[in-house]
N, C-alpha and C. Protein backbone atom coordinates (compact mmCIF):
# COMPACT_ATOMS: atom_id res chain seq x y z
N MET A 1 0.83 -1.17 0.00
CA MET A 1 0.00 0.00 0.00
C MET A 1 0.88 1.24 0.00
N LYS A 2 0.52 2.21 -0.83
CA LYS A 2 1.31 3.43 -0.95
C LYS A 2 1.14 4.30 0.28
N LYS A 3 2.23 4.91 0.69
CA LYS A 3 2.19 5.82 1.82
C LYS A 3 2.09 7.25 1.31
N ALA A 4 1.19 8.01 1.86
CA ALA A 4 1.02 9.41 1.44
C ALA A 4 2.25 10.22 1.85
N GLN A 5 2.81 10.96 0.90
CA GLN A 5 4.01 11.73 1.15
C GLN A 5 3.71 13.16 1.59
N ASN A 6 2.63 13.73 1.12
CA ASN A 6 2.34 15.13 1.39
C ASN A 6 2.19 15.47 2.87
N PRO A 7 1.55 14.60 3.71
CA PRO A 7 1.42 14.97 5.12
C PRO A 7 2.75 15.10 5.85
N SER A 8 3.79 14.41 5.39
CA SER A 8 5.08 14.48 6.05
C SER A 8 5.95 15.65 5.55
N MET A 9 5.43 16.42 4.61
CA MET A 9 6.18 17.56 4.05
C MET A 9 5.83 18.83 4.80
N SER A 10 6.75 19.78 4.72
CA SER A 10 6.45 21.08 5.31
C SER A 10 5.38 21.77 4.44
N PRO A 11 4.55 22.60 5.05
CA PRO A 11 3.48 23.26 4.28
C PRO A 11 3.98 24.05 3.06
N PRO A 12 5.12 24.78 3.15
CA PRO A 12 5.57 25.50 1.95
C PRO A 12 5.94 24.57 0.80
N LEU A 13 6.54 23.42 1.10
CA LEU A 13 6.89 22.46 0.05
C LEU A 13 5.65 21.84 -0.57
N ALA A 14 4.68 21.49 0.26
CA ALA A 14 3.44 20.91 -0.24
C ALA A 14 2.71 21.93 -1.12
N GLU A 15 2.72 23.19 -0.72
CA GLU A 15 2.08 24.25 -1.50
C GLU A 15 2.80 24.45 -2.84
N ALA A 16 4.12 24.37 -2.83
CA ALA A 16 4.90 24.51 -4.06
C ALA A 16 4.57 23.38 -5.04
N LEU A 17 4.44 22.16 -4.53
CA LEU A 17 4.07 21.03 -5.40
C LEU A 17 2.67 21.21 -5.96
N LYS A 18 1.76 21.68 -5.14
CA LYS A 18 0.39 21.92 -5.59
C LYS A 18 0.37 22.99 -6.68
N ASP A 19 1.14 24.06 -6.48
CA ASP A 19 1.22 25.13 -7.49
C ASP A 19 1.81 24.61 -8.80
N MET A 20 2.86 23.79 -8.70
CA MET A 20 3.47 23.23 -9.90
C MET A 20 2.47 22.35 -10.65
N GLY A 21 1.73 21.52 -9.93
CA GLY A 21 0.74 20.67 -10.56
C GLY A 21 -0.35 21.47 -11.24
N GLU A 22 -0.81 22.55 -10.59
CA GLU A 22 -1.83 23.40 -11.18
C GLU A 22 -1.30 24.10 -12.43
N HIS A 23 -0.04 24.50 -12.39
CA HIS A 23 0.57 25.16 -13.55
C HIS A 23 0.65 24.20 -14.74
N ILE A 24 1.06 22.97 -14.46
CA ILE A 24 1.14 21.95 -15.51
C ILE A 24 -0.26 21.67 -16.07
N ALA A 25 -1.26 21.59 -15.20
CA ALA A 25 -2.63 21.34 -15.65
C ALA A 25 -3.13 22.48 -16.53
N ARG A 26 -2.83 23.72 -16.15
CA ARG A 26 -3.25 24.87 -16.96
C ARG A 26 -2.55 24.86 -18.32
N MET A 27 -1.28 24.45 -18.35
CA MET A 27 -0.57 24.35 -19.62
C MET A 27 -1.24 23.32 -20.52
N ARG A 28 -1.65 22.20 -19.94
CA ARG A 28 -2.31 21.15 -20.71
C ARG A 28 -3.66 21.65 -21.25
N LYS A 29 -4.42 22.30 -20.39
CA LYS A 29 -5.73 22.81 -20.80
C LYS A 29 -5.60 23.90 -21.85
N ALA A 30 -4.56 24.71 -21.75
CA ALA A 30 -4.35 25.78 -22.73
C ALA A 30 -4.10 25.21 -24.12
N ARG A 31 -3.56 24.02 -24.18
CA ARG A 31 -3.28 23.38 -25.46
C ARG A 31 -4.41 22.46 -25.91
N HIS A 32 -5.48 22.40 -25.13
CA HIS A 32 -6.65 21.58 -25.44
C HIS A 32 -6.28 20.10 -25.57
N VAL A 33 -5.44 19.63 -24.64
CA VAL A 33 -5.04 18.23 -24.62
C VAL A 33 -5.76 17.55 -23.47
N LEU A 34 -6.39 16.42 -23.75
CA LEU A 34 -7.06 15.67 -22.69
C LEU A 34 -6.02 15.03 -21.77
N GLN A 35 -6.38 14.93 -20.50
CA GLN A 35 -5.46 14.34 -19.53
C GLN A 35 -5.13 12.89 -19.90
N ALA A 36 -6.13 12.13 -20.33
CA ALA A 36 -5.90 10.74 -20.70
C ALA A 36 -4.98 10.63 -21.91
N GLU A 37 -5.14 11.54 -22.86
CA GLU A 37 -4.29 11.53 -24.05
C GLU A 37 -2.84 11.86 -23.70
N ALA A 38 -2.65 12.87 -22.86
CA ALA A 38 -1.29 13.24 -22.44
C ALA A 38 -0.65 12.11 -21.64
N ALA A 39 -1.43 11.46 -20.80
CA ALA A 39 -0.91 10.34 -20.01
C ALA A 39 -0.48 9.19 -20.90
N LEU A 40 -1.29 8.90 -21.91
CA LEU A 40 -0.96 7.82 -22.85
C LEU A 40 0.34 8.13 -23.58
N ARG A 41 0.49 9.36 -24.04
CA ARG A 41 1.72 9.74 -24.76
C ARG A 41 2.95 9.71 -23.85
N ALA A 42 2.75 10.01 -22.56
CA ALA A 42 3.86 10.01 -21.61
C ALA A 42 4.14 8.63 -21.03
N ASN A 43 3.33 7.65 -21.44
CA ASN A 43 3.47 6.27 -20.97
C ASN A 43 3.27 6.17 -19.45
N ILE A 44 2.26 6.88 -18.96
CA ILE A 44 1.87 6.78 -17.56
C ILE A 44 0.36 6.58 -17.52
N SER A 45 -0.15 6.19 -16.36
CA SER A 45 -1.60 6.01 -16.25
C SER A 45 -2.28 7.37 -16.10
N ARG A 46 -3.57 7.40 -16.39
CA ARG A 46 -4.32 8.64 -16.22
C ARG A 46 -4.37 9.03 -14.75
N GLU A 47 -4.40 8.03 -13.87
CA GLU A 47 -4.39 8.30 -12.44
C GLU A 47 -3.09 9.00 -12.03
N THR A 48 -1.97 8.57 -12.58
CA THR A 48 -0.69 9.22 -12.28
C THR A 48 -0.68 10.65 -12.80
N ALA A 49 -1.25 10.86 -13.99
CA ALA A 49 -1.34 12.22 -14.53
C ALA A 49 -2.16 13.10 -13.60
N SER A 50 -3.25 12.56 -13.08
CA SER A 50 -4.08 13.30 -12.14
C SER A 50 -3.31 13.62 -10.87
N ARG A 51 -2.53 12.67 -10.40
CA ARG A 51 -1.73 12.90 -9.19
C ARG A 51 -0.67 13.96 -9.43
N ILE A 52 -0.09 14.00 -10.62
CA ILE A 52 0.89 15.04 -10.96
C ILE A 52 0.22 16.41 -10.89
N GLU A 53 -0.96 16.50 -11.51
CA GLU A 53 -1.65 17.79 -11.56
C GLU A 53 -2.21 18.21 -10.21
N ASN A 54 -2.35 17.27 -9.29
CA ASN A 54 -2.82 17.58 -7.94
C ASN A 54 -1.67 17.83 -6.97
N GLY A 55 -0.43 17.69 -7.45
CA GLY A 55 0.74 17.98 -6.62
C GLY A 55 1.11 16.88 -5.65
N ASP A 56 0.87 15.63 -6.01
CA ASP A 56 1.21 14.49 -5.16
C ASP A 56 2.72 14.31 -5.12
N ALA A 57 3.28 14.25 -3.93
CA ALA A 57 4.73 14.14 -3.77
C ALA A 57 5.25 12.73 -4.03
N ALA A 58 4.38 11.74 -4.09
CA ALA A 58 4.81 10.36 -4.27
C ALA A 58 5.06 10.00 -5.73
N VAL A 59 4.78 10.91 -6.66
CA VAL A 59 5.00 10.63 -8.08
C VAL A 59 6.49 10.78 -8.39
N ALA A 60 7.01 9.82 -9.16
CA ALA A 60 8.43 9.86 -9.52
C ALA A 60 8.73 11.05 -10.42
N ILE A 61 9.88 11.65 -10.22
CA ILE A 61 10.27 12.85 -10.98
C ILE A 61 10.35 12.55 -12.47
N GLY A 62 10.74 11.34 -12.83
CA GLY A 62 10.81 10.95 -14.23
C GLY A 62 9.44 10.99 -14.90
N GLN A 63 8.41 10.60 -14.17
CA GLN A 63 7.06 10.64 -14.71
C GLN A 63 6.61 12.07 -14.91
N VAL A 64 6.95 12.94 -13.98
CA VAL A 64 6.59 14.35 -14.08
C VAL A 64 7.26 14.97 -15.31
N VAL A 65 8.53 14.67 -15.51
CA VAL A 65 9.29 15.24 -16.63
C VAL A 65 8.73 14.73 -17.96
N ARG A 66 8.41 13.44 -18.03
CA ARG A 66 7.83 12.89 -19.27
C ARG A 66 6.48 13.53 -19.56
N TYR A 67 5.67 13.69 -18.54
CA TYR A 67 4.34 14.30 -18.71
C TYR A 67 4.47 15.75 -19.17
N LEU A 68 5.39 16.48 -18.57
CA LEU A 68 5.62 17.87 -18.97
C LEU A 68 6.11 17.95 -20.41
N ASP A 69 6.98 17.03 -20.81
CA ASP A 69 7.51 17.04 -22.18
C ASP A 69 6.42 16.77 -23.20
N VAL A 70 5.44 15.96 -22.85
CA VAL A 70 4.33 15.68 -23.76
C VAL A 70 3.45 16.92 -23.91
N ILE A 71 3.21 17.59 -22.80
CA ILE A 71 2.34 18.77 -22.82
C ILE A 71 3.01 19.94 -23.52
N ALA A 72 4.24 20.21 -23.16
CA ALA A 72 4.97 21.34 -23.73
C ALA A 72 6.37 20.85 -24.13
N PRO A 73 6.52 20.32 -25.35
CA PRO A 73 7.83 19.81 -25.77
C PRO A 73 8.93 20.85 -25.61
N GLY A 74 10.02 20.41 -25.03
CA GLY A 74 11.15 21.31 -24.81
C GLY A 74 11.13 22.01 -23.46
N ALA A 75 9.99 21.99 -22.78
CA ALA A 75 9.90 22.63 -21.46
C ALA A 75 10.62 21.77 -20.43
N THR A 76 11.23 22.41 -19.47
CA THR A 76 11.90 21.70 -18.39
C THR A 76 11.36 22.19 -17.06
N LEU A 77 11.58 21.41 -16.02
CA LEU A 77 11.14 21.83 -14.69
C LEU A 77 11.85 23.10 -14.26
N GLY A 78 13.11 23.23 -14.62
CA GLY A 78 13.88 24.41 -14.24
C GLY A 78 13.35 25.69 -14.87
N ARG A 79 12.76 25.57 -16.04
CA ARG A 79 12.26 26.75 -16.74
C ARG A 79 10.74 26.82 -16.76
N LEU A 80 10.10 26.05 -15.91
CA LEU A 80 8.65 25.98 -15.90
C LEU A 80 8.01 27.34 -15.67
N TYR A 81 8.56 28.12 -14.76
CA TYR A 81 7.99 29.43 -14.43
C TYR A 81 8.77 30.59 -15.04
N GLU A 82 9.94 30.30 -15.61
CA GLU A 82 10.82 31.34 -16.13
C GLU A 82 10.24 32.08 -17.33
N THR A 83 9.82 31.35 -18.32
CA THR A 83 9.36 31.96 -19.56
C THR A 83 7.85 31.95 -19.63
N GLN A 84 7.31 32.92 -20.33
CA GLN A 84 5.86 32.99 -20.52
C GLN A 84 5.47 32.06 -21.65
N ASP A 85 4.61 31.13 -21.37
CA ASP A 85 4.12 30.17 -22.35
C ASP A 85 3.05 30.83 -23.21
N ALA A 86 3.18 30.78 -24.52
CA ALA A 86 2.25 31.46 -25.43
C ALA A 86 0.83 30.92 -25.29
N ALA A 87 0.68 29.60 -25.21
CA ALA A 87 -0.66 29.02 -25.09
C ALA A 87 -1.29 29.40 -23.75
N LEU A 88 -0.49 29.44 -22.71
CA LEU A 88 -0.98 29.83 -21.39
C LEU A 88 -1.38 31.30 -21.37
N ALA A 89 -0.63 32.12 -22.07
CA ALA A 89 -0.96 33.55 -22.15
C ALA A 89 -2.30 33.75 -22.86
N MET A 90 -2.55 32.98 -23.92
CA MET A 90 -3.82 33.09 -24.63
C MET A 90 -4.98 32.62 -23.76
N LEU A 91 -4.76 31.57 -22.97
CA LEU A 91 -5.80 31.09 -22.06
C LEU A 91 -6.12 32.15 -21.02
N GLU A 92 -5.09 32.76 -20.44
CA GLU A 92 -5.30 33.79 -19.43
C GLU A 92 -6.02 35.00 -20.02
N LYS A 93 -5.69 35.34 -21.26
CA LYS A 93 -6.35 36.46 -21.91
C LYS A 93 -7.84 36.17 -22.13
N SER A 94 -8.15 34.94 -22.53
CA SER A 94 -9.55 34.60 -22.75
C SER A 94 -10.34 34.52 -21.45
N GLU A 95 -9.65 34.27 -20.34
CA GLU A 95 -10.32 34.17 -19.04
C GLU A 95 -10.59 35.53 -18.41
N LYS A 96 -9.91 36.56 -18.86
CA LYS A 96 -10.10 37.88 -18.29
C LYS A 96 -11.50 38.38 -18.60
N ARG A 97 -12.06 39.03 -17.63
CA ARG A 97 -13.38 39.61 -17.84
C ARG A 97 -13.22 40.88 -18.66
N GLN A 98 -14.18 41.09 -19.51
CA GLN A 98 -14.17 42.31 -20.32
C GLN A 98 -15.21 43.26 -19.76
N ARG A 99 -14.86 44.49 -19.72
CA ARG A 99 -15.75 45.49 -19.18
C ARG A 99 -16.93 45.69 -20.13
N ALA A 100 -18.11 45.70 -19.57
CA ALA A 100 -19.30 45.93 -20.36
C ALA A 100 -19.49 47.43 -20.55
N ARG A 101 -19.70 47.82 -21.76
CA ARG A 101 -19.89 49.24 -22.06
C ARG A 101 -21.33 49.45 -22.53
N THR A 102 -21.82 50.62 -22.27
CA THR A 102 -23.16 50.95 -22.76
C THR A 102 -23.06 51.22 -24.26
N LEU A 103 -24.12 50.91 -24.95
CA LEU A 103 -24.14 51.11 -26.39
C LEU A 103 -24.36 52.58 -26.72
N SER A 104 -23.76 53.00 -27.81
CA SER A 104 -23.95 54.37 -28.28
C SER A 104 -25.37 54.52 -28.83
N PRO A 105 -25.88 55.73 -28.96
CA PRO A 105 -27.22 55.91 -29.53
C PRO A 105 -27.36 55.30 -30.92
N GLN A 106 -26.32 55.38 -31.73
CA GLN A 106 -26.37 54.78 -33.07
C GLN A 106 -26.49 53.26 -32.99
N ALA A 107 -25.74 52.65 -32.08
CA ALA A 107 -25.80 51.20 -31.93
C ALA A 107 -27.15 50.77 -31.38
N LEU A 108 -27.72 51.57 -30.48
CA LEU A 108 -29.05 51.25 -29.96
C LEU A 108 -30.10 51.25 -31.05
N LYS A 109 -29.98 52.17 -32.01
CA LYS A 109 -30.94 52.23 -33.11
C LYS A 109 -30.91 50.95 -33.96
N ARG A 110 -29.70 50.38 -34.11
CA ARG A 110 -29.58 49.15 -34.90
C ARG A 110 -30.34 48.00 -34.26
N TYR A 111 -30.42 47.99 -32.94
CA TYR A 111 -31.06 46.89 -32.23
C TYR A 111 -32.54 47.12 -31.94
N GLU A 112 -33.09 48.24 -32.35
CA GLU A 112 -34.52 48.48 -32.13
C GLU A 112 -35.32 47.62 -33.09
N PHE A 113 -36.40 47.08 -32.60
CA PHE A 113 -37.24 46.22 -33.43
C PHE A 113 -38.57 46.86 -33.66
């Protein structure tokens, strides 16, 4: 039976792993890749992919690196936060709320029925 690693970690380390997993998950979602598909390409189970994205400390580093390489080829753990990912930037832009503006009198006339 597997022993949970996260409870024996210091809170800052557990939080860092959780943040890394969330960042990897956002990168995957930004590229519109299914978790099961990425797991298959990385030769890991979908459950392991889920554990990576949830920040589980018991996942082997090799599995994390393979999963990251499938999601963002050429990306490394060392540069995970260093550079701005183009797909992630587009996702963040689409998630931003846009300010609602009132319509001009001319635009209102177009919508009158």
